[in-house]
Amino acid sequence: MNSFNLSTNIIEKLKYSSRLSAIDNSCVQDGYGLYHHCFIFTENGHWSVIQQGMNRNYARRYH
């Protein structure tokens, strides 16, 4: 279901941007294991990826 009424082309571009900007556990050298990936975008075309890592009882976010 396309709740935002976006074209398939725009959806594919957003998915590509999300994958391109994401980091994985091998890139994080601070001991935090990544477990959450969130992609936020606006109607104006601005976007951000937020990932979160956990180390024991502490969380860290990467934007």
C-alpha atoms as a PDB file:
ATOM      1  CA  MET A   1       0.000   0.000   0.000  1.00  0.00           C
ATOM      2  CA  ASN A   2       1.318   3.447  -0.922  1.00  0.00           C
ATOM      3  CA  SER A   3      -0.086   5.705   1.817  1.00  0.00           C
ATOM      4  CA  PHE A   4       1.919   8.698   0.632  1.00  0.00           C
ATOM      5  CA  ASN A   5       0.866   8.557  -3.014  1.00  0.00           C
ATOM      6  CA  LEU A   6       4.486   8.364  -4.238  1.00  0.00           C
ATOM      7  CA  SER A   7       5.473   7.126  -7.651  1.00  0.00           C
ATOM      8  CA  THR A   8       7.383   3.866  -7.954  1.00  0.00           C
ATOM      9  CA  ASN A   9      10.374   5.833  -9.241  1.00  0.00           C
ATOM     10  CA  ILE A  10      10.442   8.082  -6.160  1.00  0.00           C
ATOM     11  CA  ILE A  11      10.075   5.086  -3.841  1.00  0.00           C
ATOM     12  CA  GLU A  12      13.016   3.346  -5.512  1.00  0.00           C
ATOM     13  CA  LYS A  13      15.149   6.502  -5.220  1.00  0.00           C
ATOM     14  CA  LEU A  14      14.314   6.810  -1.513  1.00  0.00           C
ATOM     15  CA  LYS A  15      15.147   3.142  -0.922  1.00  0.00           C
ATOM     16  CA  TYR A  16      18.455   3.561  -2.750  1.00  0.00           C
ATOM     17  CA  SER A  17      19.322   6.665  -0.705  1.00  0.00           C
ATOM     18  CA  SER A  18      18.515   4.814   2.498  1.00  0.00           C
ATOM     19  CA  ARG A  19      20.798   1.907   1.600  1.00  0.00           C
ATOM     20  CA  LEU A  20      23.574   4.163   0.335  1.00  0.00           C
ATOM     21  CA  SER A  21      23.768   6.242   3.509  1.00  0.00           C
ATOM     22  CA  ALA A  22      23.353   3.387   5.972  1.00  0.00           C
ATOM     23  CA  ILE A  23      26.287   2.012   7.900  1.00  0.00           C
ATOM     24  CA  ASP A  24      26.688  -1.546   9.067  1.00  0.00           C
ATOM     25  CA  ASN A  25      28.272  -3.121  12.135  1.00  0.00           C
ATOM     26  CA  SER A  26      31.661  -3.487  10.429  1.00  0.00           C
ATOM     27  CA  CYS A  27      31.858   0.326  10.031  1.00  0.00           C
ATOM     28  CA  VAL A  28      31.028   1.124  13.643  1.00  0.00           C
ATOM     29  CA  GLN A  29      34.232   0.895  15.652  1.00  0.00           C
ATOM     30  CA  ASP A  30      32.892   2.040  19.002  1.00  0.00           C
ATOM     31  CA  GLY A  31      31.593  -1.338  20.181  1.00  0.00           C
ATOM     32  CA  TYR A  32      27.916  -0.555  19.619  1.00  0.00           C
ATOM     33  CA  GLY A  33      25.924  -3.158  17.691  1.00  0.00           C
ATOM     34  CA  LEU A  34      23.435  -1.640  15.253  1.00  0.00           C
ATOM     35  CA  TYR A  35      19.889  -2.866  15.608  1.00  0.00           C
ATOM     36  CA  HIS A  36      17.582  -0.121  14.320  1.00  0.00           C
ATOM     37  CA  HIS A  37      17.422   1.684  10.951  1.00  0.00           C
ATOM     38  CA  CYS A  38      14.895   4.453  10.330  1.00  0.00           C
ATOM     39  CA  PHE A  39      14.432   6.546   7.195  1.00  0.00           C
ATOM     40  CA  ILE A  40      12.580   9.857   7.532  1.00  0.00           C
ATOM     41  CA  PHE A  41      11.605  12.080   4.620  1.00  0.00           C
ATOM     42  CA  THR A  42       9.615  15.268   4.058  1.00  0.00           C
ATOM     43  CA  GLU A  43       7.234  16.387   1.332  1.00  0.00           C
ATOM     44  CA  ASN A  44       9.959  18.775   0.135  1.00  0.00           C
ATOM     45  CA  GLY A  45      12.391  15.937  -0.594  1.00  0.00           C
ATOM     46  CA  HIS A  46      14.618  16.291   2.469  1.00  0.00           C
ATOM     47  CA  TRP A  47      15.554  13.027   4.142  1.00  0.00           C
ATOM     48  CA  SER A  48      17.651  11.545   6.910  1.00  0.00           C
ATOM     49  CA  VAL A  49      18.685   8.099   8.050  1.00  0.00           C
ATOM     50  CA  ILE A  50      18.830   7.432  11.771  1.00  0.00           C
ATOM     51  CA  GLN A  51      20.424   4.265  13.056  1.00  0.00           C
ATOM     52  CA  GLN A  52      20.758   3.157  16.637  1.00  0.00           C
ATOM     53  CA  GLY A  53      23.340   0.942  18.272  1.00  0.00           C
ATOM     54  CA  MET A  54      23.359  -0.680  21.685  1.00  0.00           C
ATOM     55  CA  ASN A  55      26.275  -1.470  23.998  1.00  0.00           C
ATOM     56  CA  ARG A  56      25.261  -3.137  27.239  1.00  0.00           C
ATOM     57  CA  ASN A  57      22.755  -0.661  28.716  1.00  0.00           C
ATOM     58  CA  TYR A  58      23.636   2.357  26.579  1.00  0.00           C
ATOM     59  CA  ALA A  59      22.214   3.394  23.221  1.00  0.00           C
ATOM     60  CA  ARG A  60      23.859   5.569  20.597  1.00  0.00           C
ATOM     61  CA  ARG A  61      22.257   7.137  17.538  1.00  0.00           C
ATOM     62  CA  TYR A  62      23.961   7.798  14.229  1.00  0.00           C
ATOM     63  CA  HIS A  63      22.394  10.395  11.915  1.00  0.00           C
END
